[in-house]
Amino acid sequence: MHLGITGATGFIGQRTAELAAQRGWRVTVFTRNPEKLAATGNADVRSFVPGQPADVDGLDAVLHLAGEPVFGLWTAGKRERIMVSRVLGTRSVVDGILRAARPPRVLVSGSATGFYGDTGDREVTEASPAGNGFLARVTQAWEAEAERAGEVTRVVCLRTGFVLGSGGAMKLVLPVFRAGLGGRLGGGKQWMSCIHVDDVAGLALWAVEREAVRGPLNAVLPDPCTNREFTSTLAHAVRRPALFPVPAFVLRASLGGLASVLLDSSRVRPAVAERLGFPYAFATLAAALGRVAGTD
């Protein structure tokens, strides 16, 4: 299997590249700085410039993960970068696929559970409609670009939830809880759909191999949790109390629009992964956080 990955130096992309290599797959990394990356000893490097068709010819599969990080203050400029990086980056990959003499057999394109918006207490699956809000608009535009590749190849949109591991948002959260300063966010009743980074990477590779997987694929644990449950489970994993809740008004005042990511409900089930029997490495929140905290 010859797999091309954009965003391969990111949290999820790096782990996926590692797991693919462990399987004996050949991995080609797409980057804006191919000369710099090639100098590190990685010979399988191709240029990736959003807005220009990517050279995907001859690859068996493409995993597209590149995009502006969501975390950070949502200024007008930040919002534009989040949207444009995903739309233009995906357009580059898809244009490359449509022009390729031998196109990849599958495109697994990143997306997010933000597609569903604030779900409240309502449980949603891949069959549920799009929600409202900024991230819902971003993911709809993102997936629309990816789906253009459906003319010539199988397309999977990996709707990823809150990723647990040593990077991403947990890189900021874990030290706070280790210091005994953690606590619920707002009232703590909002739902969270989490997943360990190893299972996000595993789902991406599983989607490459499984012909039956196409369209949206929720990358989340089988059972969503509330923020209160997440807080208590993480506190237990690091063996510290969690006595410092952060009021919703403080989050909104300090983070602006980004606060919605932390306060909105995301009650998402992985119906496709469950139906087709994806083998989770960490199928429960306790198992996933235990691995993150080093107490499993």
C-alpha atoms as a PDB file:
ATOM      1  CA  MET A   1       0.000   0.000   0.000  1.00  0.00           C
ATOM      2  CA  HIS A   2       1.368   3.414  -0.988  1.00  0.00           C
ATOM      3  CA  LEU A   3      -0.236   6.116   1.188  1.00  0.00           C
ATOM      4  CA  GLY A   4       0.153   9.862   0.752  1.00  0.00           C
ATOM      5  CA  ILE A   5      -0.482  12.066   3.814  1.00  0.00           C
ATOM      6  CA  THR A   6      -0.946  15.820   4.062  1.00  0.00           C
ATOM      7  CA  GLY A   7      -0.535  17.217   7.556  1.00  0.00           C
ATOM      8  CA  ALA A   8       1.829  14.332   8.359  1.00  0.00           C
ATOM      9  CA  THR A   9       3.837  16.419  10.827  1.00  0.00           C
ATOM     10  CA  GLY A  10       0.725  17.207  12.895  1.00  0.00           C
ATOM     11  CA  PHE A  11      -0.543  15.347  15.950  1.00  0.00           C
ATOM     12  CA  ILE A  12      -2.858  12.926  14.124  1.00  0.00           C
ATOM     13  CA  GLY A  13      -0.884  12.771  10.884  1.00  0.00           C
ATOM     14  CA  GLN A  14       2.368  11.839  12.582  1.00  0.00           C
ATOM     15  CA  ARG A  15       0.777   8.969  14.488  1.00  0.00           C
ATOM     16  CA  THR A  16      -0.995   7.725  11.367  1.00  0.00           C
ATOM     17  CA  ALA A  17       2.268   7.753   9.410  1.00  0.00           C
ATOM     18  CA  GLU A  18       3.914   5.752  12.194  1.00  0.00           C
ATOM     19  CA  LEU A  19       1.170   3.116  12.241  1.00  0.00           C
ATOM     20  CA  ALA A  20       1.173   2.880   8.440  1.00  0.00           C
ATOM     21  CA  ALA A  21       4.936   2.339   8.419  1.00  0.00           C
ATOM     22  CA  GLN A  22       4.576  -0.351  11.085  1.00  0.00           C
ATOM     23  CA  ARG A  23       2.236  -2.164   8.709  1.00  0.00           C
ATOM     24  CA  GLY A  24       4.869  -2.074   6.017  1.00  0.00           C
ATOM     25  CA  TRP A  25       3.095   0.572   3.959  1.00  0.00           C
ATOM     26  CA  ARG A  26       5.064   3.062   1.937  1.00  0.00           C
ATOM     27  CA  VAL A  27       4.288   6.582   3.165  1.00  0.00           C
ATOM     28  CA  THR A  28       4.707   9.731   1.086  1.00  0.00           C
ATOM     29  CA  VAL A  29       4.553  13.025   2.973  1.00  0.00           C
ATOM     30  CA  PHE A  30       3.092  16.149   1.354  1.00  0.00           C
ATOM     31  CA  THR A  31       4.573  19.394   2.644  1.00  0.00           C
ATOM     32  CA  ARG A  32       5.060  23.048   1.728  1.00  0.00           C
ATOM     33  CA  ASN A  33       8.791  22.631   2.406  1.00  0.00           C
ATOM     34  CA  PRO A  34       9.840  19.404   0.651  1.00  0.00           C
ATOM     35  CA  GLU A  35      13.542  20.316   0.597  1.00  0.00           C
ATOM     36  CA  LYS A  36      13.614  20.921   4.354  1.00  0.00           C
ATOM     37  CA  LEU A  37      11.804  17.669   5.142  1.00  0.00           C
ATOM     38  CA  ALA A  38      13.891  15.686   2.668  1.00  0.00           C
ATOM     39  CA  ALA A  39      17.015  16.935   4.455  1.00  0.00           C
ATOM     40  CA  THR A  40      15.858  15.079   7.593  1.00  0.00           C
ATOM     41  CA  GLY A  41      16.224  11.793   5.721  1.00  0.00           C
ATOM     42  CA  ASN A  42      12.651  11.306   4.534  1.00  0.00           C
ATOM     43  CA  ALA A  43      13.027  10.474   0.848  1.00  0.00           C
ATOM     44  CA  ASP A  44       9.300  10.105   0.154  1.00  0.00           C
ATOM     45  CA  VAL A  45       8.322  13.765   0.001  1.00  0.00           C
ATOM     46  CA  ARG A  46       6.146  15.713  -2.420  1.00  0.00           C
ATOM     47  CA  SER A  47       5.275  19.387  -2.596  1.00  0.00           C
ATOM     48  CA  PHE A  48       1.908  20.570  -1.326  1.00  0.00           C
ATOM     49  CA  VAL A  49       0.801  24.124  -2.094  1.00  0.00           C
ATOM     50  CA  PRO A  50      -2.858  24.948  -1.322  1.00  0.00           C
ATOM     51  CA  GLY A  51      -4.418  26.317  -4.493  1.00  0.00           C
ATOM     52  CA  GLN A  52      -2.286  24.160  -6.793  1.00  0.00           C
ATOM     53  CA  PRO A  53      -3.175  20.574  -7.813  1.00  0.00           C
ATOM     54  CA  ALA A  54      -1.246  18.078  -5.686  1.00  0.00           C
ATOM     55  CA  ASP A  55       0.804  15.366  -7.388  1.00  0.00           C
ATOM     56  CA  VAL A  56      -1.048  12.262  -6.192  1.00  0.00           C
ATOM     57  CA  ASP A  57      -0.448  10.206  -9.327  1.00  0.00           C
ATOM     58  CA  GLY A  58       0.446   6.587  -8.566  1.00  0.00           C
ATOM     59  CA  LEU A  59      -0.598   6.619  -4.908  1.00  0.00           C
ATOM     60  CA  ASP A  60      -2.964   3.908  -3.711  1.00  0.00           C
ATOM     61  CA  ALA A  61      -4.593   6.171  -1.113  1.00  0.00           C
ATOM     62  CA  VAL A  62      -4.485   9.743   0.177  1.00  0.00           C
ATOM     63  CA  LEU A  63      -5.114  10.859   3.746  1.00  0.00           C
ATOM     64  CA  HIS A  64      -5.724  14.622   3.811  1.00  0.00           C
ATOM     65  CA  LEU A  65      -5.284  16.193   7.255  1.00  0.00           C
ATOM     66  CA  ALA A  66      -3.676  19.583   6.584  1.00  0.00           C
ATOM     67  CA  GLY A  67      -5.406  22.709   7.885  1.00  0.00           C
ATOM     68  CA  GLU A  68      -5.121  25.694  10.205  1.00  0.00           C
ATOM     69  CA  PRO A  69      -5.423  24.597  13.881  1.00  0.00           C
ATOM     70  CA  VAL A  70      -8.812  25.387  15.398  1.00  0.00           C
ATOM     71  CA  PHE A  71      -7.455  26.335  18.817  1.00  0.00           C
ATOM     72  CA  GLY A  72      -6.431  29.943  19.285  1.00  0.00           C
ATOM     73  CA  LEU A  73      -8.387  33.171  19.623  1.00  0.00           C
ATOM     74  CA  TRP A  74     -11.023  33.332  16.883  1.00  0.00           C
ATOM     75  CA  THR A  75     -10.276  36.711  15.386  1.00  0.00           C
ATOM     76  CA  ALA A  76     -11.696  37.493  11.954  1.00  0.00           C
ATOM     77  CA  GLY A  77      -8.328  36.571  10.449  1.00  0.00           C
ATOM     78  CA  LYS A  78      -8.168  33.276  12.365  1.00  0.00           C
ATOM     79  CA  ARG A  79     -11.659  32.309  11.207  1.00  0.00           C
ATOM     80  CA  GLU A  80     -10.723  33.036   7.613  1.00  0.00           C
ATOM     81  CA  ARG A  81      -7.554  30.941   7.877  1.00  0.00           C
ATOM     82  CA  ILE A  82      -9.497  28.026   9.381  1.00  0.00           C
ATOM     83  CA  MET A  83     -12.002  28.081   6.517  1.00  0.00           C
ATOM     84  CA  VAL A  84      -9.681  28.892   3.620  1.00  0.00           C
ATOM     85  CA  SER A  85      -6.950  26.423   4.606  1.00  0.00           C
ATOM     86  CA  ARG A  86      -9.435  23.563   4.622  1.00  0.00           C
ATOM     87  CA  VAL A  87     -11.263  24.503   1.446  1.00  0.00           C
ATOM     88  CA  LEU A  88      -8.194  25.378  -0.642  1.00  0.00           C
ATOM     89  CA  GLY A  89      -6.110  22.514   0.731  1.00  0.00           C
ATOM     90  CA  THR A  90      -8.819  19.966  -0.026  1.00  0.00           C
ATOM     91  CA  ARG A  91      -9.382  21.523  -3.454  1.00  0.00           C
ATOM     92  CA  SER A  92      -5.693  21.018  -4.223  1.00  0.00           C
ATOM     93  CA  VAL A  93      -5.845  17.345  -3.290  1.00  0.00           C
ATOM     94  CA  VAL A  94      -9.060  16.730  -5.218  1.00  0.00           C
ATOM     95  CA  ASP A  95      -7.887  18.617  -8.311  1.00  0.00           C
ATOM     96  CA  GLY A  96      -4.776  16.434  -8.240  1.00  0.00           C
ATOM     97  CA  ILE A  97      -6.898  13.305  -8.014  1.00  0.00           C
ATOM     98  CA  LEU A  98      -9.139  14.369 -10.898  1.00  0.00           C
ATOM     99  CA  ARG A  99      -6.108  15.098 -13.103  1.00  0.00           C
ATOM    100  CA  ALA A 100      -4.074  12.003 -12.199  1.00  0.00           C
ATOM    101  CA  ALA A 101      -3.331   9.414 -14.867  1.00  0.00           C
ATOM    102  CA  ARG A 102      -3.644   6.758 -12.162  1.00  0.00           C
ATOM    103  CA  PRO A 103      -5.683   8.285  -9.331  1.00  0.00           C
ATOM    104  CA  PRO A 104      -5.707   6.890  -5.772  1.00  0.00           C
ATOM    105  CA  ARG A 105      -8.363   4.293  -5.037  1.00  0.00           C
ATOM    106  CA  VAL A 106      -9.508   6.158  -1.920  1.00  0.00           C
ATOM    107  CA  LEU A 107      -9.382   9.622  -0.380  1.00  0.00           C
ATOM    108  CA  VAL A 108      -9.793   9.860   3.392  1.00  0.00           C
ATOM    109  CA  SER A 109     -10.308  13.535   4.091  1.00  0.00           C
ATOM    110  CA  GLY A 110     -10.245  15.097   7.525  1.00  0.00           C
ATOM    111  CA  SER A 111     -13.410  16.615   8.945  1.00  0.00           C
ATOM    112  CA  ALA A 112     -14.810  17.116  12.441  1.00  0.00           C
ATOM    113  CA  THR A 113     -17.802  16.395  14.637  1.00  0.00           C
ATOM    114  CA  GLY A 114     -18.342  20.155  14.539  1.00  0.00           C
ATOM    115  CA  PHE A 115     -20.391  19.249  11.447  1.00  0.00           C
ATOM    116  CA  TYR A 116     -23.339  18.520  13.770  1.00  0.00           C
ATOM    117  CA  GLY A 117     -23.160  21.823  15.668  1.00  0.00           C
ATOM    118  CA  ASP A 118     -24.461  21.962  19.241  1.00  0.00           C
ATOM    119  CA  THR A 119     -26.417  18.709  19.629  1.00  0.00           C
ATOM    120  CA  GLY A 120     -27.707  19.387  23.148  1.00  0.00           C
ATOM    121  CA  ASP A 121     -28.862  16.049  24.606  1.00  0.00           C
ATOM    122  CA  ARG A 122     -29.734  14.693  21.157  1.00  0.00           C
ATOM    123  CA  GLU A 123     -27.571  11.804  19.969  1.00  0.00           C
ATOM    124  CA  VAL A 124     -26.376  12.045  16.364  1.00  0.00           C
ATOM    125  CA  THR A 125     -24.779   9.622  13.892  1.00  0.00           C
ATOM    126  CA  GLU A 126     -23.404   9.849  10.370  1.00  0.00           C
ATOM    127  CA  ALA A 127     -27.008   9.867   9.102  1.00  0.00           C
ATOM    128  CA  SER A 128     -27.853  13.073  10.998  1.00  0.00           C
ATOM    129  CA  PRO A 129     -28.054  16.437   9.206  1.00  0.00           C
ATOM    130  CA  ALA A 130     -25.582  19.285   9.556  1.00  0.00           C
ATOM    131  CA  GLY A 131     -25.973  21.678  12.458  1.00  0.00           C
ATOM    132  CA  ASN A 132     -25.425  25.402  12.796  1.00  0.00           C
ATOM    133  CA  GLY A 133     -22.480  27.563  13.766  1.00  0.00           C
ATOM    134  CA  PHE A 134     -19.051  28.424  12.436  1.00  0.00           C
ATOM    135  CA  LEU A 135     -17.499  24.947  12.627  1.00  0.00           C
ATOM    136  CA  ALA A 136     -20.598  23.401  11.052  1.00  0.00           C
ATOM    137  CA  ARG A 137     -20.196  25.767   8.089  1.00  0.00           C
ATOM    138  CA  VAL A 138     -16.481  25.004   7.856  1.00  0.00           C
ATOM    139  CA  THR A 139     -16.952  21.243   7.842  1.00  0.00           C
ATOM    140  CA  GLN A 140     -19.758  21.403   5.282  1.00  0.00           C
ATOM    141  CA  ALA A 141     -17.552  23.390   2.891  1.00  0.00           C
ATOM    142  CA  TRP A 142     -14.609  21.101   3.669  1.00  0.00           C
ATOM    143  CA  GLU A 143     -16.562  17.928   2.915  1.00  0.00           C
ATOM    144  CA  ALA A 144     -18.159  19.390  -0.202  1.00  0.00           C
ATOM    145  CA  GLU A 145     -14.676  19.871  -1.679  1.00  0.00           C
ATOM    146  CA  ALA A 146     -13.664  16.317  -0.774  1.00  0.00           C
ATOM    147  CA  GLU A 147     -16.806  14.809  -2.281  1.00  0.00           C
ATOM    148  CA  ARG A 148     -15.874  16.155  -5.725  1.00  0.00           C
ATOM    149  CA  ALA A 149     -13.306  13.353  -5.889  1.00  0.00           C
ATOM    150  CA  GLY A 150     -16.183  10.864  -5.851  1.00  0.00           C
ATOM    151  CA  GLU A 151     -16.221  11.048  -9.654  1.00  0.00           C
ATOM    152  CA  VAL A 152     -13.124   8.845  -9.786  1.00  0.00           C
ATOM    153  CA  THR A 153     -12.439   7.409  -6.323  1.00  0.00           C
ATOM    154  CA  ARG A 154     -13.995   6.345  -3.024  1.00  0.00           C
ATOM    155  CA  VAL A 155     -14.270   9.233  -0.552  1.00  0.00           C
ATOM    156  CA  VAL A 156     -14.396   9.026   3.246  1.00  0.00           C
ATOM    157  CA  CYS A 157     -14.823  12.105   5.463  1.00  0.00           C
ATOM    158  CA  LEU A 158     -13.289  11.429   8.885  1.00  0.00           C
ATOM    159  CA  ARG A 159     -15.371  13.433  11.376  1.00  0.00           C
ATOM    160  CA  THR A 160     -13.007  13.547  14.325  1.00  0.00           C
ATOM    161  CA  GLY A 161     -14.034  14.384  17.884  1.00  0.00           C
ATOM    162  CA  PHE A 162     -11.879  15.572  20.808  1.00  0.00           C
ATOM    163  CA  VAL A 163      -8.578  13.724  20.376  1.00  0.00           C
ATOM    164  CA  LEU A 164      -6.823  12.336  23.444  1.00  0.00           C
ATOM    165  CA  GLY A 165      -3.061  11.875  23.495  1.00  0.00           C
ATOM    166  CA  SER A 166       0.227  13.658  24.136  1.00  0.00           C
ATOM    167  CA  GLY A 167      -0.471  16.429  21.619  1.00  0.00           C
ATOM    168  CA  GLY A 168      -3.326  18.621  20.489  1.00  0.00           C
ATOM    169  CA  ALA A 169      -5.498  20.246  23.144  1.00  0.00           C
ATOM    170  CA  MET A 170      -4.506  17.609  25.710  1.00  0.00           C
ATOM    171  CA  LYS A 171      -0.988  19.034  25.674  1.00  0.00           C
ATOM    172  CA  LEU A 172      -2.511  22.032  27.472  1.00  0.00           C
ATOM    173  CA  VAL A 173      -5.152  20.208  29.532  1.00  0.00           C
ATOM    174  CA  LEU A 174      -3.039  17.425  31.049  1.00  0.00           C
ATOM    175  CA  PRO A 175      -0.507  19.617  32.931  1.00  0.00           C
ATOM    176  CA  VAL A 176      -3.373  21.576  34.511  1.00  0.00           C
ATOM    177  CA  PHE A 177      -4.944  18.375  35.847  1.00  0.00           C
ATOM    178  CA  ARG A 178      -1.588  16.971  36.959  1.00  0.00           C
ATOM    179  CA  ALA A 179      -1.132  20.131  39.016  1.00  0.00           C
ATOM    180  CA  GLY A 180      -4.495  19.546  40.696  1.00  0.00           C
ATOM    181  CA  LEU A 181      -5.972  22.655  39.093  1.00  0.00           C
ATOM    182  CA  GLY A 182      -8.468  20.980  36.756  1.00  0.00           C
ATOM    183  CA  GLY A 183     -12.217  21.319  36.857  1.00  0.00           C
ATOM    184  CA  ARG A 184     -15.362  21.132  34.776  1.00  0.00           C
ATOM    185  CA  LEU A 185     -16.082  23.738  32.118  1.00  0.00           C
ATOM    186  CA  GLY A 186     -19.270  25.727  32.634  1.00  0.00           C
ATOM    187  CA  GLY A 187     -21.982  23.549  34.162  1.00  0.00           C
ATOM    188  CA  GLY A 188     -20.260  20.377  32.964  1.00  0.00           C
ATOM    189  CA  LYS A 189     -23.475  18.972  31.467  1.00  0.00           C
ATOM    190  CA  GLN A 190     -22.374  19.427  27.861  1.00  0.00           C
ATOM    191  CA  TRP A 191     -21.584  16.224  25.980  1.00  0.00           C
ATOM    192  CA  MET A 192     -18.111  15.430  24.679  1.00  0.00           C
ATOM    193  CA  SER A 193     -17.236  12.928  21.963  1.00  0.00           C
ATOM    194  CA  CYS A 194     -13.652  11.841  22.534  1.00  0.00           C
ATOM    195  CA  ILE A 195     -11.230   9.350  20.985  1.00  0.00           C
ATOM    196  CA  HIS A 196      -7.616   8.311  21.525  1.00  0.00           C
ATOM    197  CA  VAL A 197      -5.188   9.399  18.808  1.00  0.00           C
ATOM    198  CA  ASP A 198      -4.241   5.758  18.143  1.00  0.00           C
ATOM    199  CA  ASP A 199      -7.874   5.024  17.278  1.00  0.00           C
ATOM    200  CA  VAL A 200      -8.180   8.071  15.006  1.00  0.00           C
ATOM    201  CA  ALA A 201      -5.110   6.849  13.138  1.00  0.00           C
ATOM    202  CA  GLY A 202      -6.414   3.288  13.195  1.00  0.00           C
ATOM    203  CA  LEU A 203      -9.792   4.378  11.818  1.00  0.00           C
ATOM    204  CA  ALA A 204      -8.113   6.298   8.990  1.00  0.00           C
ATOM    205  CA  LEU A 205      -6.099   3.249   7.934  1.00  0.00           C
ATOM    206  CA  TRP A 206      -9.109   0.965   8.428  1.00  0.00           C
ATOM    207  CA  ALA A 207     -11.123   3.247   6.129  1.00  0.00           C
ATOM    208  CA  VAL A 208      -8.399   2.960   3.498  1.00  0.00           C
ATOM    209  CA  GLU A 209      -8.631  -0.829   3.561  1.00  0.00           C
ATOM    210  CA  ARG A 210     -12.383  -1.313   3.930  1.00  0.00           C
ATOM    211  CA  GLU A 211     -14.212  -0.874   0.631  1.00  0.00           C
ATOM    212  CA  ALA A 212     -17.524  -0.739   2.493  1.00  0.00           C
ATOM    213  CA  VAL A 213     -16.520   2.497   4.215  1.00  0.00           C
ATOM    214  CA  ARG A 214     -17.506   5.580   2.256  1.00  0.00           C
ATOM    215  CA  GLY A 215     -18.993   8.965   3.045  1.00  0.00           C
ATOM    216  CA  PRO A 216     -18.942  10.313   6.619  1.00  0.00           C
ATOM    217  CA  LEU A 217     -17.166   8.313   9.330  1.00  0.00           C
ATOM    218  CA  ASN A 218     -17.412   9.481  12.940  1.00  0.00           C
ATOM    219  CA  ALA A 219     -14.057   9.115  14.701  1.00  0.00           C
ATOM    220  CA  VAL A 220     -15.260   9.035  18.313  1.00  0.00           C
ATOM    221  CA  LEU A 221     -15.553   6.567  21.183  1.00  0.00           C
ATOM    222  CA  PRO A 222     -18.660   4.336  21.229  1.00  0.00           C
ATOM    223  CA  ASP A 223     -20.002   6.183  24.289  1.00  0.00           C
ATOM    224  CA  PRO A 224     -19.945   9.989  24.544  1.00  0.00           C
ATOM    225  CA  CYS A 225     -19.503  11.501  28.010  1.00  0.00           C
ATOM    226  CA  THR A 226     -20.436  14.733  29.714  1.00  0.00           C
ATOM    227  CA  ASN A 227     -17.750  17.273  30.533  1.00  0.00           C
ATOM    228  CA  ARG A 228     -18.342  16.488  34.210  1.00  0.00           C
ATOM    229  CA  GLU A 229     -17.651  12.786  33.535  1.00  0.00           C
ATOM    230  CA  PHE A 230     -14.572  13.642  31.484  1.00  0.00           C
ATOM    231  CA  THR A 231     -13.265  15.830  34.310  1.00  0.00           C
ATOM    232  CA  SER A 232     -13.726  13.191  37.004  1.00  0.00           C
ATOM    233  CA  THR A 233     -12.250  10.428  34.830  1.00  0.00           C
ATOM    234  CA  LEU A 234      -9.154  12.449  33.971  1.00  0.00           C
ATOM    235  CA  ALA A 235      -8.715  13.534  37.598  1.00  0.00           C
ATOM    236  CA  HIS A 236      -8.869   9.870  38.644  1.00  0.00           C
ATOM    237  CA  ALA A 237      -6.340   8.920  35.955  1.00  0.00           C
ATOM    238  CA  VAL A 238      -3.789  11.483  37.162  1.00  0.00           C
ATOM    239  CA  ARG A 239      -4.678  10.850  40.844  1.00  0.00           C
ATOM    240  CA  ARG A 240      -5.446  14.481  41.592  1.00  0.00           C
ATOM    241  CA  PRO A 241      -8.596  16.334  42.666  1.00  0.00           C
ATOM    242  CA  ALA A 242     -10.473  18.513  40.155  1.00  0.00           C
ATOM    243  CA  LEU A 243     -11.804  21.345  42.288  1.00  0.00           C
ATOM    244  CA  PHE A 244     -11.517  24.390  40.060  1.00  0.00           C
ATOM    245  CA  PRO A 245     -14.448  24.738  37.628  1.00  0.00           C
ATOM    246  CA  VAL A 246     -14.235  27.454  34.991  1.00  0.00           C
ATOM    247  CA  PRO A 247     -17.508  29.413  34.664  1.00  0.00           C
ATOM    248  CA  ALA A 248     -18.987  29.724  31.189  1.00  0.00           C
ATOM    249  CA  PHE A 249     -18.875  33.527  31.280  1.00  0.00           C
ATOM    250  CA  VAL A 250     -15.122  33.439  31.942  1.00  0.00           C
ATOM    251  CA  LEU A 251     -14.572  31.175  28.936  1.00  0.00           C
ATOM    252  CA  ARG A 252     -16.686  33.383  26.690  1.00  0.00           C
ATOM    253  CA  ALA A 253     -14.974  36.553  27.894  1.00  0.00           C
ATOM    254  CA  SER A 254     -11.474  35.164  27.437  1.00  0.00           C
ATOM    255  CA  LEU A 255     -11.902  32.948  24.365  1.00  0.00           C
ATOM    256  CA  GLY A 256     -14.706  34.587  22.392  1.00  0.00           C
ATOM    257  CA  GLY A 257     -16.129  32.308  19.713  1.00  0.00           C
ATOM    258  CA  LEU A 258     -13.714  29.499  20.569  1.00  0.00           C
ATOM    259  CA  ALA A 259     -15.621  29.019  23.842  1.00  0.00           C
ATOM    260  CA  SER A 260     -18.379  27.326  21.841  1.00  0.00           C
ATOM    261  CA  VAL A 261     -16.020  24.405  21.161  1.00  0.00           C
ATOM    262  CA  LEU A 262     -15.752  23.852  24.918  1.00  0.00           C
ATOM    263  CA  LEU A 263     -19.321  24.641  25.970  1.00  0.00           C
ATOM    264  CA  ASP A 264     -21.468  23.246  23.142  1.00  0.00           C
ATOM    265  CA  SER A 265     -22.678  19.645  23.336  1.00  0.00           C
ATOM    266  CA  SER A 266     -21.267  17.031  20.992  1.00  0.00           C
ATOM    267  CA  ARG A 267     -23.190  13.798  21.574  1.00  0.00           C
ATOM    268  CA  VAL A 268     -21.950  11.776  18.620  1.00  0.00           C
ATOM    269  CA  ARG A 269     -21.993   8.004  18.104  1.00  0.00           C
ATOM    270  CA  PRO A 270     -19.726   6.133  15.643  1.00  0.00           C
ATOM    271  CA  ALA A 271     -22.535   4.177  13.992  1.00  0.00           C
ATOM    272  CA  VAL A 272     -20.502   3.180  10.918  1.00  0.00           C
ATOM    273  CA  ALA A 273     -17.485   1.991  12.916  1.00  0.00           C
ATOM    274  CA  GLU A 274     -19.770   0.015  15.241  1.00  0.00           C
ATOM    275  CA  ARG A 275     -21.764  -1.545  12.413  1.00  0.00           C
ATOM    276  CA  LEU A 276     -18.671  -2.627  10.481  1.00  0.00           C
ATOM    277  CA  GLY A 277     -16.754  -3.788  13.552  1.00  0.00           C
ATOM    278  CA  PHE A 278     -13.809  -1.409  13.920  1.00  0.00           C
ATOM    279  CA  PRO A 279     -11.473  -2.843  16.613  1.00  0.00           C
ATOM    280  CA  TYR A 280     -10.847   0.028  19.037  1.00  0.00           C
ATOM    281  CA  ALA A 281      -7.542  -0.031  20.901  1.00  0.00           C
ATOM    282  CA  PHE A 282      -9.107   2.104  23.659  1.00  0.00           C
ATOM    283  CA  ALA A 283     -12.863   1.634  23.563  1.00  0.00           C
ATOM    284  CA  THR A 284     -13.715   3.468  26.789  1.00  0.00           C
ATOM    285  CA  LEU A 285     -12.921   6.927  28.140  1.00  0.00           C
ATOM    286  CA  ALA A 286     -11.201   5.434  31.178  1.00  0.00           C
ATOM    287  CA  ALA A 287      -8.940   3.283  29.005  1.00  0.00           C
ATOM    288  CA  ALA A 288      -8.078   6.175  26.684  1.00  0.00           C
ATOM    289  CA  LEU A 289      -7.336   8.632  29.504  1.00  0.00           C
ATOM    290  CA  GLY A 290      -5.448   5.961  31.420  1.00  0.00           C
ATOM    291  CA  ARG A 291      -3.091   5.610  28.455  1.00  0.00           C
ATOM    292  CA  VAL A 292      -2.745   9.388  28.132  1.00  0.00           C
ATOM    293  CA  ALA A 293      -1.966   9.758  31.841  1.00  0.00           C
ATOM    294  CA  GLY A 294       0.382   6.771  31.848  1.00  0.00           C
ATOM    295  CA  THR A 295      -1.644   4.859  34.418  1.00  0.00           C
ATOM    296  CA  ASP A 296      -3.146   2.128  32.214  1.00  0.00           C
END
